[in-house]
Amino acid sequence: MAGFLDRAKEQAQQALNQGKQKVDEVQAQRAGNDLLKKLGAAYYAERRGSGSTDATQQALSALEAHISAHGDGFLRG
């Protein structure tokens, strides 16, 4: 009986870990999409004359940092 409970506990833990990993992936994708949107908005504002090169560069740097940490998978969607 203890072996059965140990296996069930192990399977539940694996499922929990997989669920947490998926949540982390989704959150990273959303953050990447938000950064990409901010970059687009900064670039648009710069081109229209109401934004600055610094704001665009900061948005680009933030996006590049996110890609370095989490990959660029969110760009393929």
PDB file of N, CA and C in Angstrom:
ATOM      1  N   MET A   1       0.822  -1.195   0.000  1.00  0.00           N
ATOM      2  CA  MET A   1       0.000   0.000   0.000  1.00  0.00           C
ATOM      3  C   MET A   1       0.863   1.253   0.000  1.00  0.00           C
ATOM      4  N   ALA A   2       1.953   1.211   0.750  1.00  0.00           N
ATOM      5  CA  ALA A   2       2.823   2.383   0.821  1.00  0.00           C
ATOM      6  C   ALA A   2       3.452   2.667  -0.542  1.00  0.00           C
ATOM      7  N   GLY A   3       3.792   1.618  -1.297  1.00  0.00           N
ATOM      8  CA  GLY A   3       4.360   1.799  -2.628  1.00  0.00           C
ATOM      9  C   GLY A   3       3.384   2.491  -3.562  1.00  0.00           C
ATOM     10  N   PHE A   4       2.125   2.138  -3.470  1.00  0.00           N
ATOM     11  CA  PHE A   4       1.099   2.761  -4.295  1.00  0.00           C
ATOM     12  C   PHE A   4       0.971   4.234  -3.957  1.00  0.00           C
ATOM     13  N   LEU A   5       0.953   4.548  -2.670  1.00  0.00           N
ATOM     14  CA  LEU A   5       0.831   5.941  -2.242  1.00  0.00           C
ATOM     15  C   LEU A   5       2.064   6.749  -2.638  1.00  0.00           C
ATOM     16  N   ASP A   6       3.222   6.134  -2.563  1.00  0.00           N
ATOM     17  CA  ASP A   6       4.445   6.827  -2.974  1.00  0.00           C
ATOM     18  C   ASP A   6       4.414   7.145  -4.468  1.00  0.00           C
ATOM     19  N   ARG A   7       3.967   6.196  -5.269  1.00  0.00           N
ATOM     20  CA  ARG A   7       3.867   6.429  -6.721  1.00  0.00           C
ATOM     21  C   ARG A   7       2.829   7.509  -7.029  1.00  0.00           C
ATOM     22  N   ALA A   8       1.718   7.476  -6.337  1.00  0.00           N
ATOM     23  CA  ALA A   8       0.672   8.481  -6.551  1.00  0.00           C
ATOM     24  C   ALA A   8       1.180   9.868  -6.161  1.00  0.00           C
ATOM     25  N   LYS A   9       1.907   9.918  -5.056  1.00  0.00           N
ATOM     26  CA  LYS A   9       2.467  11.197  -4.610  1.00  0.00           C
ATOM     27  C   LYS A   9       3.492  11.705  -5.625  1.00  0.00           C
ATOM     28  N   GLU A  10       4.315  10.828  -6.144  1.00  0.00           N
ATOM     29  CA  GLU A  10       5.316  11.208  -7.135  1.00  0.00           C
ATOM     30  C   GLU A  10       4.653  11.717  -8.415  1.00  0.00           C
ATOM     31  N   GLN A  11       3.612  11.029  -8.865  1.00  0.00           N
ATOM     32  CA  GLN A  11       2.897  11.459 -10.066  1.00  0.00           C
ATOM     33  C   GLN A  11       2.222  12.810  -9.855  1.00  0.00           C
ATOM     34  N   ALA A  12       1.661  13.006  -8.688  1.00  0.00           N
ATOM     35  CA  ALA A  12       1.019  14.292  -8.390  1.00  0.00           C
ATOM     36  C   ALA A  12       2.052  15.412  -8.376  1.00  0.00           C
ATOM     37  N   GLN A  13       3.216  15.139  -7.825  1.00  0.00           N
ATOM     38  CA  GLN A  13       4.284  16.139  -7.787  1.00  0.00           C
ATOM     39  C   GLN A  13       4.765  16.468  -9.200  1.00  0.00           C
ATOM     40  N   GLN A  14       4.891  15.460 -10.051  1.00  0.00           N
ATOM     41  CA  GLN A  14       5.295  15.693 -11.439  1.00  0.00           C
ATOM     42  C   GLN A  14       4.267  16.548 -12.166  1.00  0.00           C
ATOM     43  N   ALA A  15       3.007  16.256 -11.960  1.00  0.00           N
ATOM     44  CA  ALA A  15       1.940  17.039 -12.593  1.00  0.00           C
ATOM     45  C   ALA A  15       1.964  18.480 -12.096  1.00  0.00           C
ATOM     46  N   LEU A  16       2.199  18.656 -10.819  1.00  0.00           N
ATOM     47  CA  LEU A  16       2.290  19.998 -10.243  1.00  0.00           C
ATOM     48  C   LEU A  16       3.465  20.763 -10.843  1.00  0.00           C
ATOM     49  N   ASN A  17       4.604  20.092 -10.977  1.00  0.00           N
ATOM     50  CA  ASN A  17       5.782  20.735 -11.555  1.00  0.00           C
ATOM     51  C   ASN A  17       5.555  21.107 -13.021  1.00  0.00           C
ATOM     52  N   GLN A  18       4.902  20.229 -13.770  1.00  0.00           N
ATOM     53  CA  GLN A  18       4.597  20.522 -15.170  1.00  0.00           C
ATOM     54  C   GLN A  18       3.643  21.707 -15.281  1.00  0.00           C
ATOM     55  N   GLY A  19       2.668  21.757 -14.414  1.00  0.00           N
ATOM     56  CA  GLY A  19       1.725  22.874 -14.409  1.00  0.00           C
ATOM     57  C   GLY A  19       2.415  24.184 -14.085  1.00  0.00           C
ATOM     58  N   LYS A  20       3.302  24.159 -13.109  1.00  0.00           N
ATOM     59  CA  LYS A  20       4.050  25.366 -12.735  1.00  0.00           C
ATOM     60  C   LYS A  20       4.945  25.812 -13.886  1.00  0.00           C
ATOM     61  N   GLN A  21       5.574  24.864 -14.559  1.00  0.00           N
ATOM     62  CA  GLN A  21       6.435  25.204 -15.693  1.00  0.00           C
ATOM     63  C   GLN A  21       5.626  25.854 -16.808  1.00  0.00           C
ATOM     64  N   LYS A  22       4.447  25.337 -17.071  1.00  0.00           N
ATOM     65  CA  LYS A  22       3.587  25.902 -18.115  1.00  0.00           C
ATOM     66  C   LYS A  22       3.157  27.317 -17.744  1.00  0.00           C
ATOM     67  N   VAL A  23       2.791  27.531 -16.495  1.00  0.00           N
ATOM     68  CA  VAL A  23       2.407  28.869 -16.032  1.00  0.00           C
ATOM     69  C   VAL A  23       3.571  29.831 -16.203  1.00  0.00           C
ATOM     70  N   ASP A  24       4.776  29.400 -15.845  1.00  0.00           N
ATOM     71  CA  ASP A  24       5.964  30.238 -16.001  1.00  0.00           C
ATOM     72  C   ASP A  24       6.200  30.592 -17.469  1.00  0.00           C
ATOM     73  N   GLU A  25       6.000  29.627 -18.357  1.00  0.00           N
ATOM     74  CA  GLU A  25       6.177  29.868 -19.787  1.00  0.00           C
ATOM     75  C   GLU A  25       5.171  30.894 -20.300  1.00  0.00           C
ATOM     76  N   VAL A  26       3.923  30.748 -19.882  1.00  0.00           N
ATOM     77  CA  VAL A  26       2.874  31.669 -20.318  1.00  0.00           C
ATOM     78  C   VAL A  26       3.167  33.080 -19.802  1.00  0.00           C
ATOM     79  N   GLN A  27       3.602  33.180 -18.556  1.00  0.00           N
ATOM     80  CA  GLN A  27       3.922  34.492 -17.993  1.00  0.00           C
ATOM     81  C   GLN A  27       5.098  35.130 -18.733  1.00  0.00           C
ATOM     82  N   ALA A  28       6.100  34.345 -19.097  1.00  0.00           N
ATOM     83  CA  ALA A  28       7.240  34.874 -19.850  1.00  0.00           C
ATOM     84  C   ALA A  28       6.808  35.329 -21.237  1.00  0.00           C
ATOM     85  N   GLN A  29       5.902  34.572 -21.867  1.00  0.00           N
ATOM     86  CA  GLN A  29       5.389  34.976 -23.178  1.00  0.00           C
ATOM     87  C   GLN A  29       4.610  36.284 -23.085  1.00  0.00           C
ATOM     88  N   ARG A  30       3.787  36.411 -22.075  1.00  0.00           N
ATOM     89  CA  ARG A  30       3.017  37.647 -21.904  1.00  0.00           C
ATOM     90  C   ARG A  30       3.938  38.836 -21.647  1.00  0.00           C
ATOM     91  N   ALA A  31       4.940  38.633 -20.816  1.00  0.00           N
ATOM     92  CA  ALA A  31       5.884  39.711 -20.534  1.00  0.00           C
ATOM     93  C   ALA A  31       6.626  40.106 -21.810  1.00  0.00           C
ATOM     94  N   GLY A  32       7.036  39.131 -22.596  1.00  0.00           N
ATOM     95  CA  GLY A  32       7.711  39.414 -23.862  1.00  0.00           C
ATOM     96  C   GLY A  32       6.815  40.172 -24.817  1.00  0.00           C
ATOM     97  N   ASN A  33       5.558  39.759 -24.902  1.00  0.00           N
ATOM     98  CA  ASN A  33       4.608  40.460 -25.763  1.00  0.00           C
ATOM     99  C   ASN A  33       4.390  41.896 -25.301  1.00  0.00           C
ATOM    100  N   ASP A  34       4.320  42.105 -23.992  1.00  0.00           N
ATOM    101  CA  ASP A  34       4.167  43.464 -23.459  1.00  0.00           C
ATOM    102  C   ASP A  34       5.376  44.327 -23.801  1.00  0.00           C
ATOM    103  N   LEU A  35       6.565  43.756 -23.675  1.00  0.00           N
ATOM    104  CA  LEU A  35       7.782  44.508 -24.004  1.00  0.00           C
ATOM    105  C   LEU A  35       7.840  44.834 -25.495  1.00  0.00           C
ATOM    106  N   LEU A  36       7.423  43.895 -26.313  1.00  0.00           N
ATOM    107  CA  LEU A  36       7.403  44.135 -27.756  1.00  0.00           C
ATOM    108  C   LEU A  36       6.408  45.247 -28.097  1.00  0.00           C
ATOM    109  N   LYS A  37       5.274  45.241 -27.435  1.00  0.00           N
ATOM    110  CA  LYS A  37       4.273  46.287 -27.647  1.00  0.00           C
ATOM    111  C   LYS A  37       4.818  47.652 -27.207  1.00  0.00           C
ATOM    112  N   LYS A  38       5.516  47.687 -26.080  1.00  0.00           N
ATOM    113  CA  LYS A  38       6.110  48.943 -25.606  1.00  0.00           C
ATOM    114  C   LYS A  38       7.170  49.452 -26.581  1.00  0.00           C
ATOM    115  N   LEU A  39       7.938  48.540 -27.152  1.00  0.00           N
ATOM    116  CA  LEU A  39       8.936  48.942 -28.138  1.00  0.00           C
ATOM    117  C   LEU A  39       8.254  49.552 -29.352  1.00  0.00           C
ATOM    118  N   GLY A  40       7.205  48.916 -29.826  1.00  0.00           N
ATOM    119  CA  GLY A  40       6.463  49.444 -30.970  1.00  0.00           C
ATOM    120  C   GLY A  40       5.886  50.822 -30.679  1.00  0.00           C
ATOM    121  N   ALA A  41       5.324  50.993 -29.500  1.00  0.00           N
ATOM    122  CA  ALA A  41       4.748  52.281 -29.120  1.00  0.00           C
ATOM    123  C   ALA A  41       5.830  53.354 -29.015  1.00  0.00           C
ATOM    124  N   ALA A  42       6.978  52.995 -28.455  1.00  0.00           N
ATOM    125  CA  ALA A  42       8.078  53.960 -28.330  1.00  0.00           C
ATOM    126  C   ALA A  42       8.603  54.355 -29.703  1.00  0.00           C
ATOM    127  N   TYR A  43       8.735  53.381 -30.580  1.00  0.00           N
ATOM    128  CA  TYR A  43       9.217  53.668 -31.935  1.00  0.00           C
ATOM    129  C   TYR A  43       8.215  54.545 -32.681  1.00  0.00           C
ATOM    130  N   TYR A  44       6.943  54.234 -32.557  1.00  0.00           N
ATOM    131  CA  TYR A  44       5.902  55.014 -33.218  1.00  0.00           C
ATOM    132  C   TYR A  44       5.928  56.462 -32.714  1.00  0.00           C
ATOM    133  N   ALA A  45       6.006  56.627 -31.392  1.00  0.00           N
ATOM    134  CA  ALA A  45       6.046  57.972 -30.814  1.00  0.00           C
ATOM    135  C   ALA A  45       7.291  58.726 -31.294  1.00  0.00           C
ATOM    136  N   GLU A  46       8.413  58.038 -31.364  1.00  0.00           N
ATOM    137  CA  GLU A  46       9.646  58.667 -31.843  1.00  0.00           C
ATOM    138  C   GLU A  46       9.479  59.142 -33.291  1.00  0.00           C
ATOM    139  N   ARG A  47       8.924  58.302 -34.127  1.00  0.00           N
ATOM    140  CA  ARG A  47       8.740  58.646 -35.542  1.00  0.00           C
ATOM    141  C   ARG A  47       7.754  59.802 -35.726  1.00  0.00           C
ATOM    142  N   ARG A  48       6.775  59.888 -34.840  1.00  0.00           N
ATOM    143  CA  ARG A  48       5.774  60.959 -34.929  1.00  0.00           C
ATOM    144  C   ARG A  48       6.282  62.261 -34.328  1.00  0.00           C
ATOM    145  N   GLY A  49       7.409  62.216 -33.669  1.00  0.00           N
ATOM    146  CA  GLY A  49       7.980  63.425 -33.082  1.00  0.00           C
ATOM    147  C   GLY A  49       7.591  63.667 -31.643  1.00  0.00           C
ATOM    148  N   SER A  50       6.816  62.774 -31.048  1.00  0.00           N
ATOM    149  CA  SER A  50       6.410  62.963 -29.657  1.00  0.00           C
ATOM    150  C   SER A  50       7.172  62.055 -28.699  1.00  0.00           C
ATOM    151  N   GLY A  51       8.075  61.248 -29.233  1.00  0.00           N
ATOM    152  CA  GLY A  51       8.858  60.340 -28.401  1.00  0.00           C
ATOM    153  C   GLY A  51      10.335  60.638 -28.545  1.00  0.00           C
ATOM    154  N   SER A  52      11.128  59.902 -27.823  1.00  0.00           N
ATOM    155  CA  SER A  52      12.573  60.134 -27.859  1.00  0.00           C
ATOM    156  C   SER A  52      13.319  58.866 -28.266  1.00  0.00           C
ATOM    157  N   THR A  53      14.505  59.090 -28.759  1.00  0.00           N
ATOM    158  CA  THR A  53      15.385  57.970 -29.093  1.00  0.00           C
ATOM    159  C   THR A  53      15.726  57.181 -27.838  1.00  0.00           C
ATOM    160  N   ASP A  54      15.886  57.889 -26.725  1.00  0.00           N
ATOM    161  CA  ASP A  54      16.212  57.217 -25.460  1.00  0.00           C
ATOM    162  C   ASP A  54      15.107  56.245 -25.036  1.00  0.00           C
ATOM    163  N   ALA A  55      13.863  56.661 -25.177  1.00  0.00           N
ATOM    164  CA  ALA A  55      12.748  55.784 -24.801  1.00  0.00           C
ATOM    165  C   ALA A  55      12.726  54.538 -25.678  1.00  0.00           C
ATOM    166  N   THR A  56      12.981  54.721 -26.969  1.00  0.00           N
ATOM    167  CA  THR A  56      13.017  53.584 -27.883  1.00  0.00           C
ATOM    168  C   THR A  56      14.166  52.651 -27.523  1.00  0.00           C
ATOM    169  N   GLN A  57      15.321  53.218 -27.222  1.00  0.00           N
ATOM    170  CA  GLN A  57      16.485  52.408 -26.861  1.00  0.00           C
ATOM    171  C   GLN A  57      16.249  51.656 -25.549  1.00  0.00           C
ATOM    172  N   GLN A  58      15.614  52.307 -24.587  1.00  0.00           N
ATOM    173  CA  GLN A  58      15.310  51.639 -23.315  1.00  0.00           C
ATOM    174  C   GLN A  58      14.350  50.475 -23.529  1.00  0.00           C
ATOM    175  N   ALA A  59      13.343  50.682 -24.374  1.00  0.00           N
ATOM    176  CA  ALA A  59      12.388  49.610 -24.666  1.00  0.00           C
ATOM    177  C   ALA A  59      13.085  48.453 -25.372  1.00  0.00           C
ATOM    178  N   LEU A  60      13.980  48.773 -26.297  1.00  0.00           N
ATOM    179  CA  LEU A  60      14.729  47.736 -27.010  1.00  0.00           C
ATOM    180  C   LEU A  60      15.639  46.971 -26.058  1.00  0.00           C
ATOM    181  N   SER A  61      16.294  47.676 -25.164  1.00  0.00           N
ATOM    182  CA  SER A  61      17.178  47.024 -24.191  1.00  0.00           C
ATOM    183  C   SER A  61      16.403  46.092 -23.276  1.00  0.00           C
ATOM    184  N   ALA A  62      15.223  46.535 -22.838  1.00  0.00           N
ATOM    185  CA  ALA A  62      14.389  45.691 -21.977  1.00  0.00           C
ATOM    186  C   ALA A  62      13.953  44.430 -22.714  1.00  0.00           C
ATOM    187  N   LEU A  63      13.588  44.590 -23.986  1.00  0.00           N
ATOM    188  CA  LEU A  63      13.192  43.436 -24.788  1.00  0.00           C
ATOM    189  C   LEU A  63      14.356  42.474 -24.983  1.00  0.00           C
ATOM    190  N   GLU A  64      15.531  43.003 -25.271  1.00  0.00           N
ATOM    191  CA  GLU A  64      16.711  42.154 -25.458  1.00  0.00           C
ATOM    192  C   GLU A  64      17.080  41.417 -24.175  1.00  0.00           C
ATOM    193  N   ALA A  65      16.943  42.072 -23.039  1.00  0.00           N
ATOM    194  CA  ALA A  65      17.217  41.419 -21.757  1.00  0.00           C
ATOM    195  C   ALA A  65      16.237  40.269 -21.518  1.00  0.00           C
ATOM    196  N   HIS A  66      14.974  40.507 -21.854  1.00  0.00           N
ATOM    197  CA  HIS A  66      13.962  39.454 -21.698  1.00  0.00           C
ATOM    198  C   HIS A  66      14.287  38.263 -22.607  1.00  0.00           C
ATOM    199  N   ILE A  67      14.676  38.544 -23.840  1.00  0.00           N
ATOM    200  CA  ILE A  67      15.023  37.471 -24.773  1.00  0.00           C
ATOM    201  C   ILE A  67      16.234  36.694 -24.270  1.00  0.00           C
ATOM    202  N   SER A  68      17.207  37.397 -23.708  1.00  0.00           N
ATOM    203  CA  SER A  68      18.383  36.711 -23.158  1.00  0.00           C
ATOM    204  C   SER A  68      18.007  35.779 -22.015  1.00  0.00           C
ATOM    205  N   ALA A  69      17.058  36.203 -21.216  1.00  0.00           N
ATOM    206  CA  ALA A  69      16.659  35.408 -20.049  1.00  0.00           C
ATOM    207  C   ALA A  69      15.680  34.295 -20.372  1.00  0.00           C
ATOM    208  N   HIS A  70      14.776  34.543 -21.340  1.00  0.00           N
ATOM    209  CA  HIS A  70      13.671  33.606 -21.576  1.00  0.00           C
ATOM    210  C   HIS A  70      13.595  33.055 -22.997  1.00  0.00           C
ATOM    211  N   GLY A  71      14.434  33.528 -23.880  1.00  0.00           N
ATOM    212  CA  GLY A  71      14.371  33.075 -25.266  1.00  0.00           C
ATOM    213  C   GLY A  71      13.403  33.926 -26.068  1.00  0.00           C
ATOM    214  N   ASP A  72      13.350  33.637 -27.362  1.00  0.00           N
ATOM    215  CA  ASP A  72      12.508  34.443 -28.245  1.00  0.00           C
ATOM    216  C   ASP A  72      11.284  33.684 -28.762  1.00  0.00           C
ATOM    217  N   GLY A  73      10.854  32.689 -28.023  1.00  0.00           N
ATOM    218  CA  GLY A  73       9.712  31.882 -28.440  1.00  0.00           C
ATOM    219  C   GLY A  73       8.435  32.687 -28.618  1.00  0.00           C
ATOM    220  N   PHE A  74       8.270  33.748 -27.864  1.00  0.00           N
ATOM    221  CA  PHE A  74       7.058  34.562 -27.964  1.00  0.00           C
ATOM    222  C   PHE A  74       6.988  35.310 -29.293  1.00  0.00           C
ATOM    223  N   LEU A  75       8.093  35.430 -30.001  1.00  0.00           N
ATOM    224  CA  LEU A  75       8.106  36.118 -31.292  1.00  0.00           C
ATOM    225  C   LEU A  75       7.523  35.251 -32.407  1.00  0.00           C
ATOM    226  N   ARG A  76       7.373  33.981 -32.161  1.00  0.00           N
ATOM    227  CA  ARG A  76       6.903  33.040 -33.191  1.00  0.00           C
ATOM    228  C   ARG A  76       5.414  32.783 -33.105  1.00  0.00           C
ATOM    229  N   GLY A  77       4.667  33.672 -32.510  1.00  0.00           N
ATOM    230  CA  GLY A  77       3.259  33.388 -32.318  1.00  0.00           C
ATOM    231  C   GLY A  77       2.345  34.124 -33.116  1.00  0.00           C
TER     232      GLY A  77
END
